[in-house]
Protein backbone atom coordinates (compact mmCIF):
# COMPACT_ATOMS: atom_id res chain seq x y z
CA MET A 1 -40.39 -23.09 0.31
CA GLU A 2 -38.81 -21.59 3.03
CA VAL A 3 -36.46 -23.94 5.46
CA HIS A 4 -36.01 -22.54 9.04
CA ASP A 5 -33.29 -25.02 10.32
CA ALA A 6 -29.93 -26.37 8.90
CA ARG A 7 -31.52 -30.33 8.46
CA ARG A 8 -31.89 -30.19 4.51
CA VAL A 9 -28.43 -28.58 4.08
CA ARG A 10 -26.97 -31.06 6.55
CA GLU A 11 -28.22 -33.77 4.73
CA ALA A 12 -27.09 -32.37 1.30
CA ALA A 13 -23.75 -32.36 2.86
CA GLU A 14 -23.61 -36.07 4.12
CA VAL A 15 -24.94 -37.29 0.91
CA LEU A 16 -22.09 -35.38 -0.98
CA ALA A 17 -19.58 -36.58 1.35
CA ALA A 18 -20.58 -40.07 0.79
CA ALA A 19 -20.46 -39.47 -3.03
CA VAL A 20 -17.18 -38.10 -3.12
CA ALA A 21 -15.97 -40.71 -0.98
CA GLU A 22 -17.09 -43.31 -3.48
CA LEU A 23 -15.50 -41.87 -6.34
CA ASP A 24 -12.08 -43.62 -7.94
CA LEU A 25 -10.41 -40.59 -9.92
CA GLY A 26 -7.88 -43.30 -11.28
CA ALA A 27 -10.48 -45.22 -13.07
CA MET A 28 -12.17 -41.94 -14.70
CA LEU A 29 -11.47 -40.03 -17.99
CA PRO A 30 -9.79 -36.80 -18.21
CA ALA A 31 -13.31 -35.23 -19.46
CA ALA A 32 -14.79 -36.50 -16.14
CA HIS A 33 -11.89 -34.91 -14.32
CA ARG A 34 -12.67 -31.54 -15.70
CA GLU A 35 -16.65 -31.85 -14.88
CA LEU A 36 -15.56 -32.76 -11.26
CA VAL A 37 -13.33 -29.68 -11.14
CA ALA A 38 -16.37 -27.46 -12.25
CA LEU A 39 -18.81 -29.21 -9.90
CA GLY A 40 -16.05 -28.63 -7.18
CA GLU A 41 -16.04 -25.12 -7.80
CA ARG A 42 -19.57 -24.52 -7.61
CA ILE A 43 -19.95 -26.57 -4.47
CA GLU A 44 -17.21 -24.30 -2.99
CA ARG A 45 -18.88 -21.30 -4.15
CA THR A 46 -22.11 -21.87 -2.64
CA GLY A 47 -20.64 -23.46 0.62
CA ARG A 48 -18.40 -20.51 1.26
CA THR A 49 -21.66 -18.06 0.57
CA VAL A 50 -23.57 -19.87 3.18
CA LYS A 51 -20.91 -19.96 5.84
CA SER A 52 -20.37 -16.15 5.41
CA LEU A 53 -23.86 -15.31 5.60
CA ALA A 54 -24.26 -17.42 8.53
CA ALA A 55 -21.29 -16.28 10.24
CA ALA A 56 -22.51 -12.94 9.97
CA LYS A 57 -25.58 -13.88 11.88
CA VAL A 58 -23.79 -15.58 14.35
CA ALA A 59 -21.63 -12.23 14.94
CA GLU A 60 -25.07 -10.39 15.41
CA SER A 61 -26.07 -12.54 18.32
CA ALA A 62 -24.58 -13.83 21.61
CA ALA A 63 -23.90 -17.15 20.05
CA TRP A 64 -20.33 -16.85 19.58
CA MET A 65 -19.64 -16.08 23.26
CA GLY A 66 -20.18 -19.55 24.33
CA ASP A 67 -16.85 -21.02 24.27
CA GLY A 68 -14.63 -17.91 25.63
CA ASP A 69 -13.61 -16.27 22.41
CA ARG A 70 -12.93 -12.79 22.62
CA SER A 71 -14.48 -11.58 19.48
CA PRO A 72 -16.73 -13.00 16.65
CA GLU A 73 -13.60 -12.93 14.50
CA ASP A 74 -11.73 -15.13 17.18
CA TRP A 75 -14.62 -17.68 17.18
CA LEU A 76 -14.89 -17.91 13.62
CA ALA A 77 -11.13 -18.18 13.08
CA ARG A 78 -11.01 -21.09 15.60
CA THR A 79 -14.07 -22.84 14.32
CA THR A 80 -12.86 -22.73 10.66
CA GLY A 81 -8.92 -23.25 11.44
CA THR A 82 -8.03 -19.97 9.66
CA THR A 83 -6.67 -16.73 10.86
CA ARG A 84 -8.11 -13.87 12.63
CA ALA A 85 -7.55 -11.54 9.52
CA GLU A 86 -9.34 -13.96 7.15
CA ALA A 87 -12.09 -14.51 9.42
CA ALA A 88 -12.78 -10.85 9.57
CA LYS A 89 -12.55 -10.58 5.79
CA GLU A 90 -15.28 -13.18 5.74
CA LEU A 91 -17.61 -11.68 8.27
CA GLU A 92 -17.42 -8.34 6.41
CA CYS A 93 -18.26 -10.17 3.36
CA GLY A 94 -21.28 -11.84 5.05
CA ARG A 95 -22.54 -8.26 6.25
CA HIS A 96 -22.25 -7.06 2.82
CA LEU A 97 -23.96 -9.96 1.14
CA GLN A 98 -27.03 -9.28 4.00
CA LEU A 99 -27.22 -5.79 2.41
CA ALA A 100 -27.16 -6.90 -1.23
CA PRO A 101 -29.63 -9.87 -1.72
CA GLU A 102 -29.09 -9.86 -5.30
CA VAL A 103 -25.78 -10.32 -5.28
CA ALA A 104 -26.10 -13.15 -2.33
CA GLN A 105 -28.60 -14.98 -4.68
CA ALA A 106 -25.93 -15.03 -7.57
CA ALA A 107 -23.37 -15.89 -5.12
CA THR A 108 -25.38 -18.88 -3.63
CA ALA A 109 -26.13 -20.15 -7.17
CA GLY A 110 -22.58 -20.44 -7.59
CA GLU A 111 -22.20 -17.84 -10.37
CA LEU A 112 -19.38 -15.73 -8.49
CA SER A 113 -15.90 -16.70 -7.44
CA LEU A 114 -14.96 -15.79 -3.83
CA LYS A 115 -13.32 -12.66 -5.21
CA GLN A 116 -15.71 -11.52 -7.07
CA THR A 117 -18.26 -12.11 -4.33
CA GLU A 118 -16.12 -10.10 -2.03
CA ALA A 119 -15.82 -7.17 -4.63
CA ILE A 120 -19.41 -6.88 -5.82
CA ALA A 121 -20.83 -7.47 -2.27
CA GLY A 122 -18.75 -4.44 -0.86
CA ALA A 123 -19.62 -2.04 -3.78
CA ALA A 124 -23.65 -2.95 -3.58
CA ALA A 125 -23.49 -2.45 0.07
CA ALA A 126 -22.24 1.06 -0.46
CA ASP A 127 -24.42 1.51 -3.68
CA PRO A 128 -27.26 -0.88 -4.14
CA ALA A 129 -28.15 0.63 -7.28
CA ALA A 130 -25.00 -0.57 -8.75
CA ALA A 131 -25.66 -4.34 -8.07
CA ALA A 132 -27.05 -5.19 -11.53
CA ARG A 133 -24.43 -3.46 -13.13
CA LEU A 134 -21.55 -5.14 -11.49
CA LEU A 135 -23.15 -8.69 -11.60
CA ASP A 136 -23.13 -8.14 -15.23
CA SER A 137 -19.79 -6.84 -15.42
CA ALA A 138 -18.60 -10.11 -13.57
CA LYS A 139 -19.97 -11.96 -16.76
CA ASP A 140 -17.35 -9.95 -19.15
CA LYS A 141 -14.34 -8.68 -17.31
CA GLY A 142 -11.52 -10.28 -15.47
CA LEU A 143 -11.13 -10.20 -11.74
CA ARG A 144 -8.91 -7.10 -11.64
CA ALA A 145 -11.07 -5.10 -14.08
CA LEU A 146 -14.21 -6.03 -12.18
CA GLN A 147 -12.19 -5.21 -8.80
CA ASP A 148 -11.19 -1.78 -10.12
CA GLU A 149 -14.91 -0.88 -11.02
CA CYS A 150 -16.18 -2.13 -7.72
CA ARG A 151 -13.60 0.16 -5.79
CA ALA A 152 -14.69 3.26 -7.87
CA THR A 153 -18.05 2.38 -7.36
CA ARG A 154 -17.37 2.23 -3.50
CA THR A 155 -15.34 5.17 -3.59
CA LYS A 156 -18.08 7.32 -5.30
CA ALA A 157 -20.49 6.40 -3.03
CA ASP A 158 -18.44 7.22 -0.07
CA PRO A 159 -20.04 10.39 1.99
CA ASP A 160 -16.62 11.01 3.45
CA PRO A 161 -13.62 10.11 1.93
CA GLU A 162 -11.45 11.68 4.22
CA ALA A 163 -12.67 9.72 7.13
CA THR A 164 -12.66 6.68 4.99
CA ARG A 165 -8.74 7.31 4.82
CA ALA A 166 -8.29 8.04 8.27
CA LYS A 167 -9.93 4.87 9.40
CA ILE A 168 -7.78 2.80 6.82
CA HIS A 169 -4.44 4.55 8.30
CA ALA A 170 -5.73 3.39 11.85
CA GLN A 171 -6.00 -0.06 10.61
CA ARG A 172 -2.46 0.24 9.04
CA SER A 173 -0.69 -3.31 9.55
CA TYR A 174 2.78 -4.85 9.19
CA ARG A 175 2.39 -8.66 9.37
CA THR A 176 5.06 -11.80 8.40
CA TRP A 177 4.56 -15.33 8.66
CA THR A 178 5.96 -18.35 7.33
CA ASP A 179 3.85 -21.26 5.50
CA ALA A 180 3.98 -24.92 5.54
CA GLU A 181 6.69 -25.05 2.99
CA GLY A 182 8.55 -22.55 4.99
CA THR A 183 8.52 -19.88 2.73
CA GLY A 184 8.32 -16.45 4.46
CA HIS A 185 5.69 -13.84 3.66
CA LEU A 186 5.42 -10.01 4.39
CA HIS A 187 2.13 -8.29 4.29
CA VAL A 188 1.92 -4.58 4.51
CA SER A 189 -1.42 -2.63 4.60
CA GLY A 190 -2.66 0.94 4.66
CA PRO A 191 -3.59 4.01 2.94
CA SER A 192 -3.21 3.42 -1.12
CA ASP A 193 -1.00 6.96 -1.22
CA VAL A 194 1.42 5.61 1.17
CA ILE A 195 1.85 2.05 -0.45
CA ALA A 196 2.06 4.10 -3.82
CA ARG A 197 5.14 5.68 -2.35
CA MET A 198 6.50 2.60 -1.24
CA ASP A 199 6.03 0.75 -4.46
CA ASN A 200 7.59 3.74 -6.41
CA ALA A 201 10.79 3.08 -4.41
CA VAL A 202 10.80 -0.65 -4.93
CA ARG A 203 10.21 -0.03 -8.64
CA HIS A 204 12.90 2.12 -9.00
CA ARG A 205 15.38 -0.23 -7.10
CA CYS A 206 14.19 -2.95 -8.99
CA ASP A 207 14.87 -1.23 -12.57
CA ARG A 208 18.57 -0.96 -11.37
CA ILE A 209 18.60 -4.52 -10.06
CA PHE A 210 17.00 -5.82 -13.50
CA ARG A 211 19.62 -3.86 -15.71
CA GLU A 212 22.42 -5.23 -13.80
CA ALA A 213 21.25 -8.66 -14.11
CA ARG A 214 20.88 -8.40 -17.68
CA ARG A 215 24.42 -7.21 -17.98
CA GLU A 216 25.74 -10.03 -16.22
CA GLY A 217 23.35 -12.34 -18.28
CA ARG A 218 21.07 -13.30 -15.52
CA ARG A 219 17.34 -14.02 -16.14
CA GLU A 220 14.79 -14.46 -13.64
CA ARG A 221 11.27 -13.29 -12.99
CA THR A 222 10.59 -9.48 -12.58
CA ASP A 223 8.60 -10.26 -9.13
CA ALA A 224 12.09 -11.67 -7.98
CA TYR A 225 14.15 -8.62 -8.75
CA ALA A 226 11.16 -6.64 -6.94
CA PHE A 227 11.93 -9.08 -3.79
CA ASP A 228 15.61 -8.21 -4.16
CA ALA A 229 14.67 -4.46 -4.16
CA ALA A 230 12.48 -4.78 -1.13
CA ALA A 231 15.11 -6.64 0.70
CA GLU A 232 17.82 -3.93 -0.31
CA LEU A 233 15.85 -1.17 0.73
CA LEU A 234 14.60 -2.59 4.27
CA THR A 235 17.80 -4.63 5.30
CA SER A 236 21.06 -2.73 4.13
CA GLN A 237 22.00 0.83 4.57
CA GLY A 238 22.48 1.19 0.75
CA ASP A 239 22.81 4.67 -0.98
CA ARG A 240 20.83 7.32 0.03
CA THR A 241 20.18 8.57 -3.32
CA PRO A 242 16.85 10.08 -3.71
CA VAL A 243 14.53 8.53 -6.06
CA PRO A 244 14.85 10.33 -9.46
CA VAL A 245 11.90 12.05 -11.14
CA GLY A 246 12.48 10.42 -14.70
CA ALA A 247 9.47 8.93 -16.74
CA ASP A 248 9.40 5.78 -14.82
CA ALA A 249 10.18 6.74 -11.46
CA LYS A 250 7.15 8.43 -10.02
CA VAL A 251 3.91 8.18 -8.63
CA ILE A 252 1.01 8.81 -11.28
CA VAL A 253 -1.94 10.28 -10.18
CA ARG A 254 -5.16 11.27 -12.65
CA VAL A 255 -7.27 13.95 -11.23
CA ASP A 256 -9.84 15.59 -13.23
CA LEU A 257 -9.50 19.50 -13.05
CA PRO A 258 -13.01 20.26 -11.66
CA ALA A 259 -12.49 17.81 -9.00
CA LEU A 260 -9.02 19.28 -8.03
CA LEU A 261 -10.32 22.75 -7.82
CA ARG A 262 -13.53 21.77 -5.92
CA GLY A 263 -11.37 19.34 -3.58
CA ARG A 264 -13.68 16.40 -4.27
CA PRO A 265 -14.71 14.16 -7.15
CA ALA A 266 -18.45 14.54 -8.27
CA GLY A 267 -20.38 12.51 -10.86
CA ASP A 268 -17.91 10.45 -12.98
CA GLU A 269 -14.77 12.49 -12.20
CA THR A 270 -11.80 10.81 -11.25
CA CYS A 271 -8.79 11.20 -8.59
CA GLU A 272 -6.60 7.90 -8.35
CA ILE A 273 -3.39 6.58 -8.21
CA ALA A 274 -2.31 4.49 -11.55
CA GLY A 275 -2.82 0.92 -10.70
CA LEU A 276 -3.90 1.39 -7.13
CA GLY A 277 -7.25 3.11 -7.35
CA PRO A 278 -9.16 6.32 -5.80
CA ILE A 279 -7.45 8.63 -3.39
CA PRO A 280 -8.92 11.86 -1.71
CA VAL A 281 -7.99 14.96 -3.58
CA SER A 282 -6.49 16.40 -0.44
CA VAL A 283 -3.66 13.95 -0.64
CA VAL A 284 -3.18 15.08 -4.41
CA ARG A 285 -3.03 18.81 -2.98
CA SER A 286 -0.45 17.82 -0.36
CA TRP A 287 1.68 16.10 -2.84
CA MET A 288 1.81 19.20 -5.39
CA GLU A 289 5.01 20.49 -4.24
CA ASN A 290 6.80 17.07 -4.50
CA ALA A 291 9.04 15.88 -7.36
CA PHE A 292 7.95 12.46 -7.03
CA LEU A 293 4.31 13.20 -8.34
CA ALA A 294 3.50 13.26 -12.09
CA ALA A 295 -0.08 14.58 -12.29
CA ILE A 296 -2.33 14.15 -15.09
CA VAL A 297 -5.20 16.82 -15.00
CA THR A 298 -7.88 16.00 -17.36
CA LYS A 299 -11.42 16.56 -18.30
CA GLY A 300 -12.72 13.40 -19.56
CA THR A 301 -10.13 11.49 -21.67
CA GLU A 302 -8.48 14.34 -23.45
CA ILE A 303 -5.13 12.92 -22.67
CA THR A 304 -5.87 10.53 -25.59
CA LYS A 305 -5.62 13.19 -28.20
CA VAL A 306 -1.69 14.35 -27.24
CA VAL A 307 -0.20 13.99 -30.50
CA HIS A 308 3.57 14.74 -31.90
CA LEU A 309 5.65 14.45 -34.91
CA GLY A 310 8.54 12.55 -33.76
CA ARG A 311 8.81 8.86 -33.24
CA LYS A 312 9.29 8.33 -29.58
CA PHE A 313 6.75 9.09 -26.93
CA THR A 314 7.10 12.41 -25.34
CA SER A 315 7.30 12.61 -21.52
CA GLU A 316 3.89 13.75 -21.26
CA GLN A 317 2.69 10.67 -23.40
CA ARG A 318 4.81 8.41 -21.38
CA THR A 319 3.01 9.35 -18.49
CA ALA A 320 -0.40 9.08 -19.95
CA LEU A 321 0.49 5.62 -20.97
CA GLN A 322 1.80 4.85 -17.46
CA TRP A 323 -1.16 5.98 -15.74
CA ARG A 324 -3.35 4.11 -18.48
CA ASP A 325 -1.54 0.93 -18.73
CA PRO A 326 -0.52 0.23 -15.05
CA ILE A 327 -0.12 -3.37 -15.87
CA CYS A 328 1.04 -5.29 -18.96
CA ALA A 329 -1.72 -4.73 -21.88
CA ARG A 330 -1.63 -8.20 -22.80
CA LYS A 331 -5.20 -10.19 -21.58
CA GLY A 332 -4.34 -12.40 -18.92
CA CYS A 333 -0.71 -10.78 -17.97
CA ASP A 334 -0.75 -9.19 -14.46
CA ASN A 335 3.15 -8.04 -15.03
CA ARG A 336 3.70 -4.55 -13.77
CA LEU A 337 7.54 -4.20 -13.79
CA GLY A 338 9.81 -3.13 -16.75
CA LEU A 339 6.97 -2.30 -19.03
CA GLN A 340 7.94 -1.54 -22.58
CA TYR A 341 6.04 1.11 -24.78
CA ASP A 342 4.76 -0.31 -28.21
CA HIS A 343 3.19 1.43 -31.34
CA PHE A 344 0.06 0.23 -33.12
CA GLU A 345 0.81 2.07 -35.79
CA ASP A 346 3.62 2.16 -37.94
CA TRP A 347 5.32 5.32 -37.49
CA ALA A 348 6.81 5.13 -41.11
CA ASP A 349 3.51 5.18 -42.35
CA THR A 350 1.82 7.79 -39.85
CA HIS A 351 5.06 10.00 -39.09
CA THR A 352 2.88 10.84 -35.84
CA THR A 353 3.09 9.29 -32.18
CA ARG A 354 -0.43 9.28 -30.35
CA VAL A 355 -1.32 7.83 -27.02
CA ASP A 356 -4.25 6.18 -28.28
CA ALA A 357 -2.29 4.10 -30.82
CA GLY A 358 0.41 2.98 -28.16
CA ARG A 359 0.17 0.29 -25.50
CA ARG A 360 2.65 -0.84 -22.62
CA PHE A 361 3.82 -4.71 -22.56
CA CYS A 362 6.19 -6.29 -20.29
CA PRO A 363 9.22 -7.44 -22.01
CA PRO A 364 8.12 -11.49 -22.78
CA CYS A 365 4.61 -10.27 -24.27
CA HIS A 366 6.50 -7.34 -26.25
CA ARG A 367 9.00 -10.23 -27.48
CA LEU A 368 5.99 -12.23 -28.55
CA LYS A 369 4.77 -9.62 -30.88
CA THR A 370 8.17 -8.92 -32.01
CA LEU A 371 8.38 -12.77 -32.86
CA GLY A 372 5.34 -12.60 -35.26
CA TRP A 373 2.54 -13.45 -32.91
CA THR A 374 -0.73 -11.37 -34.00
CA VAL A 375 -2.06 -8.97 -31.49
CA SER A 376 -5.59 -7.63 -31.33
CA ASP A 377 -6.92 -4.11 -31.07
CA PRO A 378 -7.64 -3.41 -27.66
CA ASP A 379 -10.91 -4.53 -26.12
CA VAL A 380 -13.20 -1.95 -23.97
CA ASN A 381 -11.03 -2.84 -21.10
CA GLY A 382 -8.02 -1.96 -22.98
CA GLN A 383 -6.37 -5.27 -23.17
CA CYS A 384 -5.02 -7.03 -26.43
CA THR A 385 -5.40 -10.84 -27.29
CA PHE A 386 -2.14 -12.47 -28.65
CA THR A 387 -2.65 -15.33 -31.46
CA PRO A 388 0.50 -17.68 -32.12
CA PRO A 389 1.39 -17.59 -35.87
CA ALA A 390 0.35 -20.38 -37.97
CA GLY A 391 1.59 -23.57 -36.73
CA ALA A 392 3.15 -22.44 -33.47
CA ARG A 393 1.52 -24.28 -30.37
CA SER A 394 -0.59 -21.96 -28.55
CA ALA A 395 -0.42 -21.80 -24.75
CA PRO A 396 -3.10 -22.94 -22.45
CA PRO A 397 -5.59 -20.17 -21.16
CA ASP A 398 -3.98 -19.83 -17.87
CA GLY A 399 -0.55 -20.15 -19.20
CA GLN A 400 0.99 -17.09 -18.69
CA ALA A 401 4.31 -18.59 -17.53
CA VAL A 402 4.37 -20.97 -20.47
CA VAL A 403 4.16 -18.02 -22.92
CA HIS A 404 6.74 -16.05 -21.28
CA GLN A 405 9.11 -19.16 -21.09
CA LEU A 406 8.50 -19.65 -24.99
CA ALA A 407 9.51 -16.10 -25.71
CA GLU A 408 12.67 -16.62 -23.48
CA THR A 409 13.42 -19.68 -25.43
CA ALA A 410 12.84 -18.18 -28.90
CA GLN A 411 14.80 -15.14 -28.17
CA ALA A 412 17.79 -17.47 -26.90
CA ALA A 413 17.55 -19.33 -30.01
CA LEU A 414 17.76 -16.35 -32.01
CA ARG A 415 21.05 -15.05 -30.27
CA SER A 416 22.59 -18.54 -30.47
CA ARG A 417 21.89 -18.24 -34.20
CA ARG A 418 23.35 -15.07 -34.73
CA GLY A 419 26.34 -15.90 -32.70
CA ALA A 420 27.13 -19.05 -34.90
CA LEU A 421 26.81 -16.73 -38.09
CA ALA A 422 29.22 -14.13 -36.52
CA ARG A 423 31.68 -17.12 -35.92
CA ARG A 424 31.75 -18.33 -39.64
């Protein structure tokens, strides 16, 4: 049955509002609270989808002009009480959903989160044949992996990547704002290759601040050190020492040799910055003479075959691992700073060091492995699951901060114990 007005939805909204108003959360059991969280998420997903689709239809008509707004984005921002940037993103999602009815149906049914919907709708609008594959990926992959797949799908479907980069460059922005709690925010957007160079400078300065803090006995979150690094670079004269070209201070690009020679990827070929996604081959060509670039020129996955007989990873292997593991390889951890190299194979047994037997973990996760947590083999997405030792209390599924705190506490206890033994 097709409905040609908003009456049924309006009635459903009124019934929902009345039902919520009658809830007594204090008298409910925790199991009921959990169910309400799931129901609230489903309602929010469905409501957000219908709002995006309807807003896109309003933007196509003259209905948004009735109150003197300058654009559909201004109308939606005023109507929904959000920012113009958020309104523009929602309108774009609505337009993409109109071009991808299969994705719109799944989103309306509450099967996709907002971030999943935005990613899949954009990719499916560019390549409609990819919709079913991406919807299947949403069931098994984490959000970051799904977004990477959607971004790669859009890039491969792009008929003119140079024009796309030029458009992104024209829309580059630098915005600051303060939230209700008084926390300041800075948002910079633009071509991913430029962002990569900015990030490279921040990460290099962050590593120095991290080492200084450890020497002084200070311990803070790695993203806090990254903030300090960015503040130094933006607000102080600082030293003018160029960013070095060592193994951990560079922009890593992986490009398939045929794509580099041709000037554009074809089929499943890749040209991307580790951790940030695809870029035009022309950008890589323009960087070829720059010292900050570390390019992994490959054919397929041949970098995994690099083997040498020493215990430490070679500079080439480290570069390969940096490209493959731009974030911590522990499933659920998104840490990108200070990643450490780990052997899955005991060198004493094999006397070889192979890229496909190595992973990169952040210091707290690496410490958990050292303290006896069992680490699974990497899954199809290259992520490892950590299981605590028998008798240890497992962290909640989203308890990355708790896991890190546990590792820090255990390490502090070990240091205290060693100090006590040394004083005897």
